[in-house]
Amino acid sequence: MPGPYLISRASAAAATAVNTAQAATNDSLAVASGAIQVPNDISAITAVEGAFTVSTWTATSVGTTFHIRLTGNGVPITQDLAVGGLSSITSTTGAGVAVLAFSLPLAQYGIAMPVIRGNLINVSFFQCGGVSVGTWSGEVTFTFQ
């Protein structure tokens, strides 16, 4: 049985607007790594785990849903994964710090996200809808099998 391979990508902290991509091109040590090359001996992603962190609220009463988007010739079609949301009802900016951890054990539910061997997957993160939470970043680990 090939794999499993655990491959991570992270984004640098930035105040990215709602519905604007934040590229996840770093590895876990913040080294620029670019797109993920799908290993040649696997055919699917079987789990997705990670976290989003907010280091500074830049507005009051914020809230959004976080998504991961996979594009490139390593996936048959664009894949969008909603992983959770954050909100803060506060009257002071900069007053909150939050961590949103998530785990999507796809294989547990009989799901495998198909990938194309040897090709590239681009990873990006989004805040979808709502009010931008401020300065945030994310990291995700994919289990390829």
N, C-alpha and C. Protein backbone atom coordinates (compact mmCIF):
# COMPACT_ATOMS: atom_id res chain seq x y z
N MET A 1 0.85 -1.18 0.00
CA MET A 1 0.00 0.00 0.00
C MET A 1 0.89 1.24 0.00
N PRO A 2 0.71 2.14 -0.94
CA PRO A 2 1.54 3.35 -1.01
C PRO A 2 1.19 4.35 0.09
N GLY A 3 2.19 5.21 0.39
CA GLY A 3 1.96 6.24 1.39
C GLY A 3 1.73 5.61 2.76
N PRO A 4 1.12 6.28 3.67
CA PRO A 4 0.63 7.63 3.49
C PRO A 4 1.74 8.68 3.54
N TYR A 5 1.48 9.80 2.89
CA TYR A 5 2.37 10.95 2.91
C TYR A 5 1.61 12.10 3.55
N LEU A 6 2.24 12.79 4.50
CA LEU A 6 1.66 13.96 5.14
C LEU A 6 2.41 15.17 4.61
N ILE A 7 1.70 16.04 3.91
CA ILE A 7 2.31 17.22 3.31
C ILE A 7 1.55 18.45 3.77
N SER A 8 2.28 19.43 4.28
CA SER A 8 1.67 20.64 4.84
C SER A 8 1.98 21.87 4.00
N ARG A 9 1.07 22.82 4.07
CA ARG A 9 1.28 24.15 3.51
C ARG A 9 0.70 25.18 4.47
N ALA A 10 1.38 26.33 4.56
CA ALA A 10 0.97 27.39 5.47
C ALA A 10 1.01 28.73 4.75
N SER A 11 0.25 29.68 5.28
CA SER A 11 0.27 31.04 4.75
C SER A 11 0.95 31.94 5.76
N ALA A 12 1.50 33.03 5.26
CA ALA A 12 2.06 34.05 6.15
C ALA A 12 0.92 34.88 6.71
N ALA A 13 1.07 35.38 7.93
CA ALA A 13 0.02 36.20 8.53
C ALA A 13 -0.15 37.48 7.73
N ALA A 14 -1.41 37.80 7.43
CA ALA A 14 -1.72 39.00 6.66
C ALA A 14 -3.16 39.42 6.96
N ALA A 15 -3.44 40.68 6.75
CA ALA A 15 -4.80 41.18 6.87
C ALA A 15 -5.45 41.09 5.50
N THR A 16 -5.90 39.89 5.14
CA THR A 16 -6.49 39.63 3.83
C THR A 16 -7.98 39.88 3.89
N ALA A 17 -8.51 40.57 2.89
CA ALA A 17 -9.93 40.90 2.85
C ALA A 17 -10.79 39.66 2.64
N VAL A 18 -12.05 39.77 2.99
CA VAL A 18 -13.02 38.70 2.75
C VAL A 18 -13.06 38.39 1.26
N ASN A 19 -13.16 37.11 0.91
CA ASN A 19 -13.26 36.62 -0.47
C ASN A 19 -12.00 36.90 -1.30
N THR A 20 -10.87 37.07 -0.64
CA THR A 20 -9.59 37.27 -1.31
C THR A 20 -8.65 36.14 -0.91
N ALA A 21 -8.00 35.54 -1.90
CA ALA A 21 -7.12 34.40 -1.62
C ALA A 21 -5.90 34.80 -0.82
N GLN A 22 -5.54 33.94 0.13
CA GLN A 22 -4.28 34.05 0.85
C GLN A 22 -3.50 32.78 0.48
N ALA A 23 -2.46 32.94 -0.34
CA ALA A 23 -1.71 31.78 -0.83
C ALA A 23 -1.05 31.04 0.31
N ALA A 24 -1.14 29.72 0.27
CA ALA A 24 -0.50 28.86 1.26
C ALA A 24 0.66 28.15 0.57
N THR A 25 1.77 28.84 0.47
CA THR A 25 2.91 28.34 -0.30
C THR A 25 4.13 28.02 0.55
N ASN A 26 4.00 28.14 1.88
CA ASN A 26 5.12 27.84 2.77
C ASN A 26 4.96 26.45 3.37
N ASP A 27 6.09 25.85 3.76
CA ASP A 27 6.00 24.62 4.52
C ASP A 27 5.82 24.98 6.00
N SER A 28 5.85 24.01 6.87
CA SER A 28 5.62 24.25 8.30
C SER A 28 6.69 25.11 8.97
N LEU A 29 7.84 25.23 8.34
CA LEU A 29 8.92 26.06 8.89
C LEU A 29 8.99 27.43 8.23
N ALA A 30 7.93 27.81 7.51
CA ALA A 30 7.82 29.10 6.83
C ALA A 30 8.81 29.24 5.67
N VAL A 31 9.24 28.12 5.11
CA VAL A 31 10.11 28.13 3.94
C VAL A 31 9.23 28.06 2.70
N ALA A 32 9.47 28.96 1.75
CA ALA A 32 8.67 28.98 0.52
C ALA A 32 8.83 27.65 -0.21
N SER A 33 7.71 26.96 -0.40
CA SER A 33 7.74 25.63 -1.02
C SER A 33 6.88 25.53 -2.26
N GLY A 34 6.01 26.51 -2.49
CA GLY A 34 5.16 26.52 -3.68
C GLY A 34 4.06 25.48 -3.62
N ALA A 35 3.64 25.05 -4.79
CA ALA A 35 2.55 24.08 -4.91
C ALA A 35 3.00 22.72 -4.40
N ILE A 36 2.04 21.88 -4.06
CA ILE A 36 2.31 20.50 -3.64
C ILE A 36 2.40 19.63 -4.89
N GLN A 37 3.47 18.87 -5.01
CA GLN A 37 3.54 17.88 -6.09
C GLN A 37 2.97 16.58 -5.55
N VAL A 38 1.95 16.08 -6.22
CA VAL A 38 1.30 14.85 -5.80
C VAL A 38 2.29 13.69 -5.97
N PRO A 39 2.49 12.90 -4.91
CA PRO A 39 3.39 11.74 -5.05
C PRO A 39 2.90 10.81 -6.16
N ASN A 40 3.84 10.15 -6.83
CA ASN A 40 3.52 9.32 -7.99
C ASN A 40 2.83 8.00 -7.66
N ASP A 41 2.83 7.59 -6.40
CA ASP A 41 2.27 6.29 -6.08
C ASP A 41 0.98 6.35 -5.27
N ILE A 42 0.26 7.47 -5.33
CA ILE A 42 -1.00 7.59 -4.60
C ILE A 42 -2.08 8.10 -5.54
N SER A 43 -3.33 8.06 -5.07
CA SER A 43 -4.42 8.51 -5.94
C SER A 43 -5.45 9.39 -5.23
N ALA A 44 -5.26 9.66 -3.93
CA ALA A 44 -6.29 10.42 -3.22
C ALA A 44 -5.74 11.11 -1.98
N ILE A 45 -6.47 12.15 -1.57
CA ILE A 45 -6.29 12.77 -0.25
C ILE A 45 -7.34 12.12 0.64
N THR A 46 -6.90 11.59 1.78
CA THR A 46 -7.83 10.87 2.66
C THR A 46 -8.11 11.60 3.97
N ALA A 47 -7.36 12.67 4.26
CA ALA A 47 -7.63 13.46 5.46
C ALA A 47 -7.04 14.86 5.27
N VAL A 48 -7.68 15.83 5.92
CA VAL A 48 -7.25 17.23 5.89
C VAL A 48 -7.34 17.74 7.32
N GLU A 49 -6.23 18.26 7.86
CA GLU A 49 -6.21 18.77 9.23
C GLU A 49 -5.42 20.05 9.29
N GLY A 50 -5.73 20.91 10.23
CA GLY A 50 -4.96 22.13 10.38
C GLY A 50 -5.63 23.13 11.30
N ALA A 51 -5.25 24.39 11.12
CA ALA A 51 -5.80 25.45 11.97
C ALA A 51 -5.65 26.80 11.29
N PHE A 52 -6.54 27.69 11.66
CA PHE A 52 -6.43 29.11 11.32
C PHE A 52 -6.25 29.86 12.61
N THR A 53 -5.42 30.89 12.59
CA THR A 53 -5.22 31.72 13.78
C THR A 53 -5.44 33.18 13.42
N VAL A 54 -5.99 33.90 14.36
CA VAL A 54 -6.18 35.34 14.23
C VAL A 54 -5.32 35.98 15.30
N SER A 55 -4.41 36.89 14.88
CA SER A 55 -3.52 37.51 15.85
C SER A 55 -3.97 38.90 16.25
N THR A 56 -4.75 39.57 15.41
CA THR A 56 -5.22 40.91 15.74
C THR A 56 -6.58 41.16 15.10
N TRP A 57 -7.59 41.43 15.91
CA TRP A 57 -8.87 41.86 15.34
C TRP A 57 -8.67 43.28 14.83
N THR A 58 -9.00 43.55 13.59
CA THR A 58 -8.82 44.91 13.06
C THR A 58 -10.14 45.65 12.92
N ALA A 59 -11.22 45.03 13.33
CA ALA A 59 -12.52 45.69 13.32
C ALA A 59 -13.30 45.17 14.52
N THR A 60 -14.36 45.87 14.88
CA THR A 60 -15.22 45.39 15.95
C THR A 60 -16.32 44.53 15.35
N SER A 61 -16.84 43.62 16.13
CA SER A 61 -17.93 42.73 15.71
C SER A 61 -17.64 42.07 14.37
N VAL A 62 -16.62 41.22 14.35
CA VAL A 62 -16.19 40.54 13.13
C VAL A 62 -16.71 39.11 13.11
N GLY A 63 -16.71 38.51 11.93
CA GLY A 63 -17.09 37.11 11.82
C GLY A 63 -17.00 36.65 10.38
N THR A 64 -16.53 35.43 10.18
CA THR A 64 -16.36 34.90 8.83
C THR A 64 -16.28 33.39 8.88
N THR A 65 -16.36 32.76 7.71
CA THR A 65 -16.14 31.32 7.57
C THR A 65 -14.84 31.13 6.81
N PHE A 66 -14.01 30.19 7.25
CA PHE A 66 -12.74 29.92 6.58
C PHE A 66 -12.88 28.74 5.63
N HIS A 67 -12.26 28.87 4.46
CA HIS A 67 -12.28 27.84 3.42
C HIS A 67 -10.86 27.57 2.94
N ILE A 68 -10.65 26.35 2.46
CA ILE A 68 -9.42 25.96 1.77
C ILE A 68 -9.81 25.72 0.32
N ARG A 69 -9.02 26.25 -0.62
CA ARG A 69 -9.27 26.00 -2.04
C ARG A 69 -8.06 25.30 -2.65
N LEU A 70 -8.33 24.22 -3.38
CA LEU A 70 -7.29 23.47 -4.10
C LEU A 70 -7.53 23.64 -5.59
N THR A 71 -6.48 24.07 -6.30
CA THR A 71 -6.55 24.23 -7.75
C THR A 71 -5.30 23.63 -8.36
N GLY A 72 -5.24 23.61 -9.68
CA GLY A 72 -4.07 23.13 -10.39
C GLY A 72 -4.37 21.82 -11.09
N ASN A 73 -3.37 21.32 -11.82
CA ASN A 73 -3.58 20.11 -12.60
C ASN A 73 -3.46 18.84 -11.75
N GLY A 74 -3.26 18.99 -10.44
CA GLY A 74 -3.20 17.84 -9.54
C GLY A 74 -4.56 17.45 -8.98
N VAL A 75 -5.59 18.27 -9.24
CA VAL A 75 -6.96 17.94 -8.85
C VAL A 75 -7.84 18.00 -10.10
N PRO A 76 -8.81 17.09 -10.22
CA PRO A 76 -9.64 17.06 -11.43
C PRO A 76 -10.46 18.34 -11.63
N ILE A 77 -10.94 18.92 -10.52
CA ILE A 77 -11.67 20.19 -10.54
C ILE A 77 -11.27 20.97 -9.30
N THR A 78 -11.57 22.27 -9.29
CA THR A 78 -11.33 23.07 -8.10
C THR A 78 -12.08 22.46 -6.91
N GLN A 79 -11.39 22.32 -5.80
CA GLN A 79 -11.99 21.76 -4.59
C GLN A 79 -12.06 22.85 -3.52
N ASP A 80 -13.23 23.09 -2.96
CA ASP A 80 -13.42 24.06 -1.88
C ASP A 80 -13.87 23.32 -0.63
N LEU A 81 -13.17 23.56 0.46
CA LEU A 81 -13.48 22.90 1.74
C LEU A 81 -13.79 23.96 2.79
N ALA A 82 -14.99 24.00 3.30
CA ALA A 82 -15.32 24.87 4.42
C ALA A 82 -14.88 24.17 5.69
N VAL A 83 -14.10 24.86 6.52
CA VAL A 83 -13.55 24.19 7.70
C VAL A 83 -14.01 24.78 9.03
N GLY A 84 -14.73 25.88 9.01
CA GLY A 84 -15.23 26.44 10.27
C GLY A 84 -15.29 27.94 10.23
N GLY A 85 -15.78 28.52 11.29
CA GLY A 85 -15.92 29.96 11.34
C GLY A 85 -15.51 30.53 12.68
N LEU A 86 -15.28 31.83 12.68
CA LEU A 86 -14.93 32.56 13.89
C LEU A 86 -15.76 33.84 13.94
N SER A 87 -16.09 34.26 15.13
CA SER A 87 -16.73 35.56 15.28
C SER A 87 -16.32 36.15 16.62
N SER A 88 -16.39 37.46 16.70
CA SER A 88 -16.07 38.17 17.93
C SER A 88 -16.95 39.40 18.00
N ILE A 89 -17.71 39.49 19.04
CA ILE A 89 -18.51 40.70 19.24
C ILE A 89 -17.80 41.49 20.32
N THR A 90 -17.03 42.45 19.88
CA THR A 90 -16.23 43.26 20.80
C THR A 90 -16.31 44.71 20.38
N SER A 91 -16.11 45.59 21.30
CA SER A 91 -16.12 47.01 20.99
C SER A 91 -14.71 47.57 20.87
N THR A 92 -13.69 46.69 20.98
CA THR A 92 -12.31 47.14 20.92
C THR A 92 -11.55 46.35 19.87
N THR A 93 -10.92 47.02 18.93
CA THR A 93 -10.09 46.32 17.96
C THR A 93 -8.80 45.86 18.63
N GLY A 94 -8.21 44.83 18.08
CA GLY A 94 -6.95 44.32 18.61
C GLY A 94 -7.10 43.57 19.92
N ALA A 95 -8.33 43.37 20.39
CA ALA A 95 -8.54 42.78 21.71
C ALA A 95 -8.66 41.27 21.70
N GLY A 96 -8.72 40.65 20.55
CA GLY A 96 -8.97 39.22 20.53
C GLY A 96 -7.88 38.42 19.85
N VAL A 97 -7.68 37.22 20.30
CA VAL A 97 -6.80 36.26 19.66
C VAL A 97 -7.61 34.97 19.60
N ALA A 98 -7.56 34.28 18.45
CA ALA A 98 -8.37 33.07 18.31
C ALA A 98 -7.63 32.02 17.51
N VAL A 99 -7.96 30.76 17.77
CA VAL A 99 -7.44 29.64 17.00
C VAL A 99 -8.63 28.77 16.62
N LEU A 100 -8.73 28.44 15.34
CA LEU A 100 -9.77 27.55 14.84
C LEU A 100 -9.09 26.30 14.30
N ALA A 101 -9.14 25.22 15.06
CA ALA A 101 -8.54 23.96 14.62
C ALA A 101 -9.61 23.13 13.92
N PHE A 102 -9.21 22.33 12.93
CA PHE A 102 -10.17 21.51 12.21
C PHE A 102 -9.55 20.19 11.82
N SER A 103 -10.41 19.20 11.62
CA SER A 103 -9.99 17.88 11.17
C SER A 103 -11.09 17.31 10.28
N LEU A 104 -10.73 16.94 9.06
CA LEU A 104 -11.67 16.34 8.11
C LEU A 104 -11.15 14.95 7.75
N PRO A 105 -11.49 13.93 8.55
CA PRO A 105 -11.01 12.57 8.29
C PRO A 105 -11.85 11.92 7.18
N LEU A 106 -11.61 12.32 5.96
CA LEU A 106 -12.44 11.90 4.82
C LEU A 106 -12.60 10.39 4.74
N ALA A 107 -11.51 9.65 4.93
CA ALA A 107 -11.55 8.19 4.80
C ALA A 107 -12.51 7.55 5.80
N GLN A 108 -12.68 8.15 6.96
CA GLN A 108 -13.62 7.63 7.96
C GLN A 108 -15.04 7.58 7.43
N TYR A 109 -15.33 8.46 6.50
CA TYR A 109 -16.68 8.55 5.95
C TYR A 109 -16.77 7.94 4.55
N GLY A 110 -15.74 7.17 4.19
CA GLY A 110 -15.75 6.52 2.88
C GLY A 110 -15.50 7.48 1.73
N ILE A 111 -14.88 8.61 2.03
CA ILE A 111 -14.61 9.63 1.00
C ILE A 111 -13.11 9.68 0.75
N ALA A 112 -12.74 9.79 -0.50
CA ALA A 112 -11.35 10.04 -0.89
C ALA A 112 -11.38 11.10 -1.98
N MET A 113 -10.64 12.18 -1.78
CA MET A 113 -10.59 13.26 -2.77
C MET A 113 -9.57 12.87 -3.84
N PRO A 114 -10.02 12.61 -5.07
CA PRO A 114 -9.08 12.15 -6.10
C PRO A 114 -8.05 13.22 -6.46
N VAL A 115 -6.84 12.76 -6.73
CA VAL A 115 -5.76 13.63 -7.18
C VAL A 115 -5.10 12.98 -8.39
N ILE A 116 -4.32 13.78 -9.11
CA ILE A 116 -3.67 13.29 -10.32
C ILE A 116 -2.17 13.16 -10.04
N ARG A 117 -1.68 11.95 -10.11
CA ARG A 117 -0.30 11.62 -9.75
C ARG A 117 0.71 12.48 -10.51
N GLY A 118 1.72 12.94 -9.76
CA GLY A 118 2.83 13.68 -10.35
C GLY A 118 2.55 15.13 -10.67
N ASN A 119 1.29 15.56 -10.59
CA ASN A 119 0.93 16.93 -10.93
C ASN A 119 0.90 17.83 -9.70
N LEU A 120 0.60 19.11 -9.91
CA LEU A 120 0.71 20.12 -8.85
C LEU A 120 -0.65 20.56 -8.32
N ILE A 121 -0.70 20.77 -6.99
CA ILE A 121 -1.89 21.31 -6.33
C ILE A 121 -1.51 22.63 -5.68
N ASN A 122 -2.22 23.69 -6.04
CA ASN A 122 -2.06 24.99 -5.40
C ASN A 122 -3.04 25.09 -4.24
N VAL A 123 -2.56 25.57 -3.10
CA VAL A 123 -3.40 25.68 -1.90
C VAL A 123 -3.56 27.15 -1.56
N SER A 124 -4.80 27.56 -1.32
CA SER A 124 -5.05 28.92 -0.84
C SER A 124 -6.15 28.89 0.20
N PHE A 125 -6.18 29.93 1.02
CA PHE A 125 -7.16 30.05 2.09
C PHE A 125 -8.01 31.29 1.83
N PHE A 126 -9.26 31.25 2.29
CA PHE A 126 -10.19 32.36 2.13
C PHE A 126 -10.98 32.57 3.41
N GLN A 127 -11.36 33.82 3.66
CA GLN A 127 -12.46 34.13 4.56
C GLN A 127 -13.64 34.34 3.63
N CYS A 128 -14.69 33.59 3.79
CA CYS A 128 -15.84 33.70 2.88
C CYS A 128 -17.00 34.38 3.57
N GLY A 129 -17.36 35.56 3.08
CA GLY A 129 -18.49 36.28 3.62
C GLY A 129 -18.21 36.87 4.99
N GLY A 130 -19.16 37.61 5.49
CA GLY A 130 -19.03 38.21 6.81
C GLY A 130 -18.12 39.43 6.80
N VAL A 131 -17.48 39.66 7.93
CA VAL A 131 -16.58 40.79 8.13
C VAL A 131 -15.20 40.24 8.45
N SER A 132 -14.17 40.70 7.73
CA SER A 132 -12.81 40.20 7.92
C SER A 132 -12.40 40.25 9.39
N VAL A 133 -11.77 39.17 9.84
CA VAL A 133 -11.37 39.09 11.24
C VAL A 133 -10.07 39.84 11.53
N GLY A 134 -9.37 40.30 10.49
CA GLY A 134 -8.14 41.05 10.72
C GLY A 134 -6.93 40.31 10.21
N THR A 135 -5.86 40.31 11.01
CA THR A 135 -4.62 39.65 10.63
C THR A 135 -4.72 38.17 11.01
N TRP A 136 -4.58 37.30 10.01
CA TRP A 136 -4.77 35.87 10.23
C TRP A 136 -3.84 35.07 9.35
N SER A 137 -3.71 33.79 9.68
CA SER A 137 -2.92 32.87 8.87
C SER A 137 -3.49 31.47 9.06
N GLY A 138 -3.02 30.55 8.24
CA GLY A 138 -3.51 29.18 8.35
C GLY A 138 -2.43 28.18 7.99
N GLU A 139 -2.64 26.96 8.42
CA GLU A 139 -1.78 25.85 8.01
C GLU A 139 -2.65 24.62 7.86
N VAL A 140 -2.35 23.82 6.87
CA VAL A 140 -3.13 22.61 6.61
C VAL A 140 -2.18 21.46 6.28
N THR A 141 -2.53 20.27 6.75
CA THR A 141 -1.78 19.05 6.42
C THR A 141 -2.72 18.10 5.69
N PHE A 142 -2.26 17.63 4.55
CA PHE A 142 -3.03 16.68 3.74
C PHE A 142 -2.43 15.30 3.91
N THR A 143 -3.28 14.31 4.07
CA THR A 143 -2.83 12.92 4.06
C THR A 143 -3.09 12.36 2.67
N PHE A 144 -2.01 12.02 1.97
CA PHE A 144 -2.11 11.43 0.63
C PHE A 144 -1.93 9.93 0.79
N GLN A 145 -2.81 9.16 0.13
CA GLN A 145 -2.70 7.72 0.21
C GLN A 145 -3.13 7.07 -1.08
